[in-house]
Amino acid sequence: MRDGPSLELAGMILWGIGMGAQDSIIKAALSTVIPSAKRSTAFGIFDTVFGIAWFAGSTIMGLLYDRSIPALVAFSVILQIFSLPLLALGQKADVSQ
């Protein structure tokens, strides 16, 4: 057994670093594509869709966790695979405008 909450604290720190990096990178990428007059609206829409998707995914994963760990793993892997075409499209996008 381990002593104290050291693993939990390390996990929270790593989670915070990951979320901060993701948030800043996404905002920076959107800033180069969206005209300055529409950035606040674009950030609001993005954050709303991101939050709804996160809630939906967490709900599904919670339900799967109660029923079948292999199904939870399969769900996670399948969604990651489906995200690859979006990543490829994002890399092809011309952001030099």
N, C-alpha and C. Protein backbone atom coordinates (compact mmCIF):
# COMPACT_ATOMS: atom_id res chain seq x y z
N MET A 1 0.84 -1.19 0.00
CA MET A 1 0.00 0.00 0.00
C MET A 1 0.88 1.24 0.00
N ARG A 2 0.30 2.33 -0.39
CA ARG A 2 1.06 3.57 -0.44
C ARG A 2 0.63 4.49 0.70
N ASP A 3 1.49 5.41 1.02
CA ASP A 3 1.19 6.36 2.08
C ASP A 3 0.79 7.70 1.50
N GLY A 4 -0.32 8.25 1.96
CA GLY A 4 -0.71 9.60 1.57
C GLY A 4 -1.28 9.71 0.18
N PRO A 5 -1.67 10.89 -0.15
CA PRO A 5 -2.33 11.14 -1.45
C PRO A 5 -1.37 11.55 -2.56
N SER A 6 -0.15 11.05 -2.55
CA SER A 6 0.85 11.52 -3.52
C SER A 6 0.47 11.18 -4.97
N LEU A 7 -0.05 9.99 -5.22
CA LEU A 7 -0.45 9.65 -6.59
C LEU A 7 -1.61 10.51 -7.06
N GLU A 8 -2.56 10.77 -6.17
CA GLU A 8 -3.69 11.61 -6.54
C GLU A 8 -3.23 13.02 -6.86
N LEU A 9 -2.32 13.55 -6.07
CA LEU A 9 -1.79 14.89 -6.31
C LEU A 9 -1.03 14.95 -7.63
N ALA A 10 -0.22 13.94 -7.89
CA ALA A 10 0.51 13.89 -9.16
C ALA A 10 -0.46 13.83 -10.34
N GLY A 11 -1.51 13.04 -10.20
CA GLY A 11 -2.51 12.96 -11.26
C GLY A 11 -3.21 14.28 -11.50
N MET A 12 -3.54 14.99 -10.43
CA MET A 12 -4.19 16.30 -10.58
C MET A 12 -3.26 17.30 -11.25
N ILE A 13 -1.99 17.27 -10.89
CA ILE A 13 -1.02 18.18 -11.50
C ILE A 13 -0.87 17.89 -12.99
N LEU A 14 -0.71 16.61 -13.34
CA LEU A 14 -0.58 16.24 -14.75
C LEU A 14 -1.85 16.58 -15.54
N TRP A 15 -3.02 16.34 -14.94
CA TRP A 15 -4.29 16.69 -15.59
C TRP A 15 -4.34 18.20 -15.86
N GLY A 16 -3.97 19.00 -14.88
CA GLY A 16 -3.98 20.45 -15.04
C GLY A 16 -3.03 20.92 -16.12
N ILE A 17 -1.85 20.34 -16.17
CA ILE A 17 -0.88 20.70 -17.20
C ILE A 17 -1.43 20.35 -18.58
N GLY A 18 -2.00 19.16 -18.70
CA GLY A 18 -2.57 18.74 -19.99
C GLY A 18 -3.72 19.63 -20.43
N MET A 19 -4.62 19.94 -19.52
CA MET A 19 -5.77 20.79 -19.87
C MET A 19 -5.31 22.20 -20.22
N GLY A 20 -4.36 22.74 -19.48
CA GLY A 20 -3.85 24.07 -19.77
C GLY A 20 -3.17 24.14 -21.13
N ALA A 21 -2.37 23.13 -21.43
CA ALA A 21 -1.69 23.09 -22.73
C ALA A 21 -2.69 22.96 -23.86
N GLN A 22 -3.65 22.06 -23.68
CA GLN A 22 -4.67 21.87 -24.73
C GLN A 22 -5.46 23.15 -24.95
N ASP A 23 -5.89 23.78 -23.89
CA ASP A 23 -6.70 24.99 -24.01
C ASP A 23 -5.93 26.10 -24.70
N SER A 24 -4.67 26.30 -24.33
CA SER A 24 -3.91 27.39 -24.94
C SER A 24 -3.58 27.10 -26.40
N ILE A 25 -3.29 25.85 -26.73
CA ILE A 25 -2.98 25.50 -28.12
C ILE A 25 -4.21 25.66 -29.01
N ILE A 26 -5.35 25.20 -28.53
CA ILE A 26 -6.58 25.31 -29.33
C ILE A 26 -6.96 26.78 -29.53
N LYS A 27 -6.87 27.57 -28.47
CA LYS A 27 -7.20 29.00 -28.60
C LYS A 27 -6.24 29.69 -29.57
N ALA A 28 -4.97 29.36 -29.50
CA ALA A 28 -3.99 29.95 -30.40
C ALA A 28 -4.28 29.55 -31.85
N ALA A 29 -4.63 28.29 -32.06
CA ALA A 29 -4.93 27.83 -33.42
C ALA A 29 -6.20 28.50 -33.95
N LEU A 30 -7.22 28.61 -33.12
CA LEU A 30 -8.45 29.27 -33.56
C LEU A 30 -8.21 30.75 -33.85
N SER A 31 -7.34 31.38 -33.09
CA SER A 31 -7.06 32.80 -33.28
C SER A 31 -6.47 33.10 -34.65
N THR A 32 -5.75 32.15 -35.21
CA THR A 32 -5.15 32.38 -36.53
C THR A 32 -6.16 32.19 -37.66
N VAL A 33 -7.26 31.51 -37.39
CA VAL A 33 -8.24 31.19 -38.42
C VAL A 33 -9.46 32.10 -38.37
N ILE A 34 -9.84 32.55 -37.19
CA ILE A 34 -11.07 33.33 -37.00
C ILE A 34 -10.74 34.82 -37.02
N PRO A 35 -11.52 35.62 -37.77
CA PRO A 35 -11.31 37.07 -37.74
C PRO A 35 -11.49 37.61 -36.32
N SER A 36 -10.74 38.65 -35.97
CA SER A 36 -10.75 39.15 -34.60
C SER A 36 -12.14 39.61 -34.14
N ALA A 37 -12.96 40.10 -35.05
CA ALA A 37 -14.30 40.57 -34.68
C ALA A 37 -15.22 39.43 -34.26
N LYS A 38 -14.89 38.20 -34.65
CA LYS A 38 -15.76 37.05 -34.35
C LYS A 38 -15.13 36.06 -33.40
N ARG A 39 -13.98 36.38 -32.84
CA ARG A 39 -13.27 35.42 -31.98
C ARG A 39 -14.03 35.07 -30.72
N SER A 40 -14.62 36.04 -30.06
CA SER A 40 -15.32 35.72 -28.81
C SER A 40 -16.49 34.80 -29.06
N THR A 41 -17.21 35.01 -30.16
CA THR A 41 -18.32 34.12 -30.51
C THR A 41 -17.79 32.72 -30.86
N ALA A 42 -16.70 32.67 -31.61
CA ALA A 42 -16.13 31.37 -31.99
C ALA A 42 -15.65 30.61 -30.76
N PHE A 43 -14.97 31.31 -29.82
CA PHE A 43 -14.53 30.65 -28.60
C PHE A 43 -15.71 30.16 -27.77
N GLY A 44 -16.76 30.94 -27.71
CA GLY A 44 -17.96 30.54 -26.97
C GLY A 44 -18.61 29.31 -27.57
N ILE A 45 -18.75 29.31 -28.88
CA ILE A 45 -19.34 28.14 -29.56
C ILE A 45 -18.45 26.91 -29.37
N PHE A 46 -17.15 27.09 -29.55
CA PHE A 46 -16.23 25.97 -29.39
C PHE A 46 -16.31 25.40 -27.98
N ASP A 47 -16.25 26.27 -26.98
CA ASP A 47 -16.30 25.80 -25.59
C ASP A 47 -17.63 25.14 -25.25
N THR A 48 -18.72 25.62 -25.82
CA THR A 48 -20.03 25.00 -25.59
C THR A 48 -20.08 23.59 -26.18
N VAL A 49 -19.64 23.46 -27.43
CA VAL A 49 -19.64 22.14 -28.07
C VAL A 49 -18.67 21.21 -27.35
N PHE A 50 -17.51 21.72 -26.98
CA PHE A 50 -16.52 20.92 -26.25
C PHE A 50 -17.10 20.42 -24.94
N GLY A 51 -17.77 21.29 -24.20
CA GLY A 51 -18.35 20.91 -22.92
C GLY A 51 -19.46 19.87 -23.06
N ILE A 52 -20.32 20.06 -24.06
CA ILE A 52 -21.40 19.09 -24.29
C ILE A 52 -20.82 17.73 -24.68
N ALA A 53 -19.82 17.75 -25.57
CA ALA A 53 -19.21 16.49 -25.99
C ALA A 53 -18.50 15.80 -24.82
N TRP A 54 -17.83 16.59 -23.99
CA TRP A 54 -17.15 16.02 -22.82
C TRP A 54 -18.15 15.40 -21.87
N PHE A 55 -19.25 16.10 -21.61
CA PHE A 55 -20.30 15.57 -20.73
C PHE A 55 -20.89 14.28 -21.30
N ALA A 56 -21.21 14.29 -22.59
CA ALA A 56 -21.80 13.10 -23.22
C ALA A 56 -20.83 11.92 -23.16
N GLY A 57 -19.57 12.17 -23.50
CA GLY A 57 -18.58 11.10 -23.46
C GLY A 57 -18.37 10.56 -22.06
N SER A 58 -18.32 11.45 -21.08
CA SER A 58 -18.15 11.02 -19.69
C SER A 58 -19.34 10.21 -19.21
N THR A 59 -20.53 10.61 -19.63
CA THR A 59 -21.73 9.87 -19.25
C THR A 59 -21.70 8.46 -19.84
N ILE A 60 -21.39 8.38 -21.12
CA ILE A 60 -21.32 7.07 -21.78
C ILE A 60 -20.24 6.20 -21.14
N MET A 61 -19.09 6.79 -20.88
CA MET A 61 -18.00 6.02 -20.29
C MET A 61 -18.34 5.56 -18.87
N GLY A 62 -19.06 6.39 -18.12
CA GLY A 62 -19.49 5.99 -16.79
C GLY A 62 -20.46 4.83 -16.83
N LEU A 63 -21.40 4.86 -17.78
CA LEU A 63 -22.34 3.76 -17.94
C LEU A 63 -21.62 2.48 -18.36
N LEU A 64 -20.68 2.62 -19.29
CA LEU A 64 -19.92 1.45 -19.74
C LEU A 64 -19.05 0.88 -18.62
N TYR A 65 -18.51 1.74 -17.78
CA TYR A 65 -17.67 1.29 -16.67
C TYR A 65 -18.46 0.39 -15.73
N ASP A 66 -19.73 0.72 -15.52
CA ASP A 66 -20.58 -0.10 -14.66
C ASP A 66 -20.91 -1.44 -15.29
N ARG A 67 -20.90 -1.51 -16.60
CA ARG A 67 -21.35 -2.72 -17.28
C ARG A 67 -20.22 -3.60 -17.81
N SER A 68 -19.21 -2.98 -18.44
CA SER A 68 -18.17 -3.79 -19.06
C SER A 68 -16.92 -2.95 -19.30
N ILE A 69 -15.83 -3.29 -18.63
CA ILE A 69 -14.57 -2.58 -18.83
C ILE A 69 -14.05 -2.77 -20.26
N PRO A 70 -14.13 -3.99 -20.84
CA PRO A 70 -13.68 -4.13 -22.23
C PRO A 70 -14.49 -3.24 -23.20
N ALA A 71 -15.79 -3.08 -22.94
CA ALA A 71 -16.60 -2.20 -23.79
C ALA A 71 -16.16 -0.74 -23.63
N LEU A 72 -15.79 -0.36 -22.41
CA LEU A 72 -15.28 0.98 -22.16
C LEU A 72 -13.99 1.21 -22.93
N VAL A 73 -13.09 0.25 -22.89
CA VAL A 73 -11.82 0.36 -23.61
C VAL A 73 -12.09 0.43 -25.11
N ALA A 74 -12.97 -0.43 -25.62
CA ALA A 74 -13.30 -0.42 -27.05
C ALA A 74 -13.89 0.93 -27.46
N PHE A 75 -14.79 1.47 -26.67
CA PHE A 75 -15.39 2.78 -26.95
C PHE A 75 -14.31 3.84 -27.05
N SER A 76 -13.39 3.85 -26.11
CA SER A 76 -12.31 4.84 -26.10
C SER A 76 -11.42 4.71 -27.33
N VAL A 77 -11.04 3.48 -27.65
CA VAL A 77 -10.16 3.25 -28.79
C VAL A 77 -10.85 3.63 -30.10
N ILE A 78 -12.11 3.25 -30.24
CA ILE A 78 -12.86 3.55 -31.46
C ILE A 78 -12.98 5.06 -31.66
N LEU A 79 -13.28 5.80 -30.59
CA LEU A 79 -13.38 7.25 -30.73
C LEU A 79 -12.04 7.87 -31.09
N GLN A 80 -10.96 7.35 -30.54
CA GLN A 80 -9.64 7.87 -30.90
C GLN A 80 -9.34 7.60 -32.38
N ILE A 81 -9.71 6.43 -32.86
CA ILE A 81 -9.48 6.10 -34.28
C ILE A 81 -10.32 7.01 -35.17
N PHE A 82 -11.58 7.25 -34.79
CA PHE A 82 -12.44 8.12 -35.57
C PHE A 82 -11.96 9.58 -35.58
N SER A 83 -11.18 9.96 -34.58
CA SER A 83 -10.68 11.33 -34.54
C SER A 83 -9.51 11.56 -35.49
N LEU A 84 -8.87 10.51 -35.95
CA LEU A 84 -7.71 10.65 -36.83
C LEU A 84 -8.01 11.39 -38.13
N PRO A 85 -9.14 11.12 -38.82
CA PRO A 85 -9.43 11.90 -40.02
C PRO A 85 -9.59 13.40 -39.73
N LEU A 86 -10.16 13.74 -38.58
CA LEU A 86 -10.30 15.16 -38.23
C LEU A 86 -8.93 15.79 -38.02
N LEU A 87 -8.02 15.05 -37.42
CA LEU A 87 -6.66 15.53 -37.23
C LEU A 87 -5.99 15.75 -38.59
N ALA A 88 -6.19 14.81 -39.50
CA ALA A 88 -5.60 14.95 -40.83
C ALA A 88 -6.17 16.16 -41.57
N LEU A 89 -7.47 16.37 -41.44
CA LEU A 89 -8.09 17.55 -42.08
C LEU A 89 -7.56 18.84 -41.47
N GLY A 90 -7.36 18.85 -40.18
CA GLY A 90 -6.83 20.03 -39.51
C GLY A 90 -5.40 20.34 -39.96
N GLN A 91 -4.63 19.33 -40.23
CA GLN A 91 -3.25 19.55 -40.67
C GLN A 91 -3.20 20.06 -42.10
N LYS A 92 -4.20 19.71 -42.91
CA LYS A 92 -4.24 20.17 -44.31
C LYS A 92 -4.81 21.57 -44.45
N ALA A 93 -5.50 22.05 -43.40
CA ALA A 93 -6.14 23.37 -43.47
C ALA A 93 -5.09 24.46 -43.64
N ASP A 94 -5.42 25.43 -44.48
CA ASP A 94 -4.52 26.55 -44.74
C ASP A 94 -4.79 27.62 -43.70
N VAL A 95 -3.85 27.82 -42.80
CA VAL A 95 -4.03 28.83 -41.75
C VAL A 95 -3.18 30.07 -42.03
N SER A 96 -2.67 30.21 -43.24
CA SER A 96 -1.81 31.35 -43.56
C SER A 96 -2.59 32.58 -43.98
N GLN A 97 -3.91 32.52 -43.97
CA GLN A 97 -4.70 33.68 -44.42
C GLN A 97 -4.69 34.78 -43.42
